[in-house]
Structures are given as structure tokens and as C-alpha cells.
Amino acid sequence: MLFMLRISVQMMALALLMPHLWVGALGLGVGTYLARRRARMFPEPQRPRVWTRSAASLLCMLVVPLAMLAGGLYFSPENPSGRGAHEQLALRGLHALAVLELGVCLLVVWRQRGRPRVVLAAALAMWWTAGAYATAGMAITNTWL
């Protein structure tokens, strides 16, 4: 698993070339705009901030890339020259996890009213997710760069 984690961090540089990341960034930008507009229209009542809720929502954004890496490791074929029997199902699951990550990031940004630190954390989580997506995809199809 540490191998997959290391490769996913290294793949973040190449993930900048993936159109999936830019579509997600566009969605995050639209969601941030709407969240900030909502925050201006409906001011938040003054109450003490609960840091555990913020920490839990930020941790939620990190679960999806780890699940992608674990799934890629699980579905990687045992035969070095072959492909796995459940390759198409695993790739569909990988796509579903990517969409889930976008939804989680948008939900966190919406709940935190588009605060800049949260938006930056969501963008970084989506960037790492793109690296994990590429790494898990390479592991599932057994086509390593």
C-alpha cells in the first residue's frame, strides 16, 4: 500500500494534464461561487465553531483517494503479463469514486460557506484524487508508466 501511496503522490504532477481534474476544478469553482454567494445573502448566526466537525469533513475528503488506492491494489492482476478478470467493474468503481470525491468536496465547501482554507483543502484533495485515480487505473489495467 505504501508503494501505491508514493506513486500516487508522484503522479500528481502528471495529473495536471488530466481533463478529469480540470472538469472537477471547474465544478469546485462554481460550487465555491455559489457557497460564497449564499454566505453573503444569509449570514451565519454567531455560534462557537466546532473544530471536530471541520476536521471530520476534511478527513472525509482523504478517504476516497485511499479507497481508490486500496481498490487498485486489490484488483491488480496477479499475472504480470495479463489483465484482471474484473477489470471493467473495477474501472467503473474507480470512476464512481472520482465522482464521489467531487461530491464530497462540494458538500464540504458548501457547508463551510466557501471559506478559502476549505476551498484550498478541497482543491488539494481533488488533485491528490486525480493522482490516485491514475495510479489505481494503472494498477487495475497493469499498464505502468
Protein backbone atom coordinates (compact mmCIF):
# COMPACT_ATOMS: atom_id res chain seq x y z
CA MET A 1 0.00 0.00 0.00
CA LEU A 2 2.86 2.40 0.71
CA PHE A 3 4.11 1.80 -2.82
CA MET A 4 0.74 2.88 -4.22
CA LEU A 5 0.68 5.91 -1.92
CA ARG A 6 4.14 7.00 -3.06
CA ILE A 7 3.29 6.53 -6.73
CA SER A 8 0.04 8.48 -6.35
CA VAL A 9 1.91 11.46 -4.91
CA GLN A 10 4.40 11.27 -7.77
CA MET A 11 1.55 11.06 -10.29
CA MET A 12 0.14 14.37 -9.07
CA ALA A 13 2.49 16.16 -11.49
CA LEU A 14 1.07 14.23 -14.44
CA ALA A 15 -2.46 14.58 -13.09
CA LEU A 16 -2.34 18.24 -14.09
CA LEU A 17 -2.67 17.03 -17.69
CA MET A 18 -5.85 15.05 -16.99
CA PRO A 19 -9.08 16.66 -18.21
CA HIS A 20 -10.92 14.99 -15.31
CA LEU A 21 -9.06 17.22 -12.87
CA TRP A 22 -9.94 20.39 -14.75
CA VAL A 23 -13.61 19.47 -15.04
CA GLY A 24 -13.62 18.84 -11.28
CA ALA A 25 -11.82 22.14 -10.66
CA LEU A 26 -14.43 23.94 -12.75
CA GLY A 27 -17.18 22.27 -10.70
CA LEU A 28 -15.40 23.23 -7.49
CA GLY A 29 -15.13 26.83 -8.70
CA VAL A 30 -18.84 27.02 -9.47
CA GLY A 31 -19.67 25.41 -6.12
CA THR A 32 -17.41 27.86 -4.29
CA TYR A 33 -19.01 30.81 -6.04
CA LEU A 34 -22.48 29.62 -5.08
CA ALA A 35 -21.44 28.88 -1.49
CA ARG A 36 -19.87 32.31 -1.06
CA ARG A 37 -22.93 33.96 -2.59
CA ARG A 38 -25.16 32.04 -0.19
CA ALA A 39 -22.93 33.12 2.72
CA ARG A 40 -23.36 36.79 1.75
CA MET A 41 -27.11 36.50 1.33
CA PHE A 42 -27.73 34.54 4.53
CA PRO A 43 -25.18 35.45 7.21
CA GLU A 44 -24.22 32.68 9.58
CA PRO A 45 -25.51 33.12 13.13
CA GLN A 46 -22.78 33.72 15.67
CA ARG A 47 -22.04 30.49 17.48
CA PRO A 48 -18.82 28.86 18.57
CA ARG A 49 -17.02 26.91 15.88
CA VAL A 50 -16.75 23.21 16.43
CA TRP A 51 -13.37 22.12 15.11
CA THR A 52 -14.27 18.43 15.19
CA ARG A 53 -16.93 18.92 12.53
CA SER A 54 -14.46 20.71 10.27
CA ALA A 55 -11.77 18.11 10.88
CA ALA A 56 -14.20 15.27 10.17
CA SER A 57 -15.31 16.81 6.90
CA LEU A 58 -11.71 17.39 5.82
CA LEU A 59 -10.82 13.81 6.73
CA CYS A 60 -13.78 12.65 4.64
CA MET A 61 -12.07 14.14 1.58
CA LEU A 62 -8.99 11.98 2.19
CA VAL A 63 -10.85 8.69 2.49
CA VAL A 64 -11.79 8.49 -1.19
CA PRO A 65 -8.22 8.59 -2.60
CA LEU A 66 -7.16 5.97 -0.08
CA ALA A 67 -10.11 3.81 -1.13
CA MET A 68 -9.06 4.24 -4.77
CA LEU A 69 -5.53 3.10 -3.99
CA ALA A 70 -6.74 0.13 -1.97
CA GLY A 71 -9.13 -0.87 -4.76
CA GLY A 72 -6.38 -0.56 -7.34
CA LEU A 73 -4.12 -2.74 -5.25
CA TYR A 74 -6.87 -5.30 -4.67
CA PHE A 75 -7.92 -5.55 -8.32
CA SER A 76 -4.42 -5.53 -9.78
CA PRO A 77 -3.81 -8.75 -11.73
CA GLU A 78 -1.56 -11.37 -10.22
CA ASN A 79 -0.12 -12.39 -13.58
CA PRO A 80 2.46 -9.75 -14.60
CA SER A 81 1.70 -10.13 -18.30
CA GLY A 82 -2.09 -10.45 -18.09
CA ARG A 83 -5.12 -8.46 -17.13
CA GLY A 84 -7.57 -8.97 -14.29
CA ALA A 85 -10.89 -10.73 -14.67
CA HIS A 86 -12.84 -7.88 -13.06
CA GLU A 87 -11.08 -5.03 -14.84
CA GLN A 88 -14.16 -3.29 -16.27
CA LEU A 89 -16.05 -3.45 -12.98
CA ALA A 90 -13.05 -2.10 -11.09
CA LEU A 91 -12.64 0.78 -13.57
CA ARG A 92 -16.31 1.69 -13.23
CA GLY A 93 -15.90 1.68 -9.47
CA LEU A 94 -12.88 3.94 -9.87
CA HIS A 95 -14.97 6.38 -11.92
CA ALA A 96 -17.72 6.29 -9.30
CA LEU A 97 -15.21 7.06 -6.54
CA ALA A 98 -13.91 10.04 -8.52
CA VAL A 99 -17.43 11.44 -8.84
CA LEU A 100 -18.00 10.73 -5.14
CA GLU A 101 -14.88 12.74 -4.27
CA LEU A 102 -16.17 15.70 -6.26
CA GLY A 103 -19.48 15.45 -4.41
CA VAL A 104 -17.78 15.24 -1.01
CA CYS A 105 -15.58 18.25 -1.81
CA LEU A 106 -18.57 20.27 -2.98
CA LEU A 107 -20.54 19.31 0.12
CA VAL A 108 -17.70 20.35 2.43
CA VAL A 109 -17.24 23.67 0.60
CA TRP A 110 -20.99 24.28 0.73
CA ARG A 111 -21.26 23.52 4.44
CA GLN A 112 -18.23 25.67 5.25
CA ARG A 113 -19.69 28.52 3.17
CA GLY A 114 -16.79 28.68 0.73
CA ARG A 115 -14.09 29.64 3.20
CA PRO A 116 -10.73 29.98 1.43
CA ARG A 117 -8.89 27.42 3.58
CA VAL A 118 -11.58 24.83 2.95
CA VAL A 119 -11.60 25.51 -0.78
CA LEU A 120 -7.81 25.14 -0.87
CA ALA A 121 -8.03 21.86 1.07
CA ALA A 122 -10.74 20.60 -1.30
CA ALA A 123 -8.66 21.53 -4.35
CA LEU A 124 -5.62 19.73 -2.93
CA ALA A 125 -7.74 16.69 -2.11
CA MET A 126 -9.09 16.63 -5.65
CA TRP A 127 -5.57 16.96 -7.04
CA TRP A 128 -4.38 14.01 -4.97
CA THR A 129 -7.51 12.12 -6.03
CA ALA A 130 -6.52 12.63 -9.66
CA GLY A 131 -3.09 11.16 -8.86
CA ALA A 132 -4.69 8.24 -7.02
CA TYR A 133 -7.12 7.77 -9.93
CA ALA A 134 -4.24 7.48 -12.39
CA THR A 135 -2.26 5.17 -10.09
CA ALA A 136 -5.20 2.86 -9.39
CA GLY A 137 -6.07 2.82 -13.08
CA MET A 138 -2.53 1.74 -13.94
CA ALA A 139 -2.66 -0.96 -11.26
CA ILE A 140 -6.02 -2.31 -12.43
CA THR A 141 -5.08 -2.46 -16.11
CA ASN A 142 -1.47 -3.48 -15.38
CA THR A 143 -0.11 -0.74 -17.65
CA TRP A 144 2.50 1.08 -15.60
CA LEU A 145 4.31 4.12 -16.96
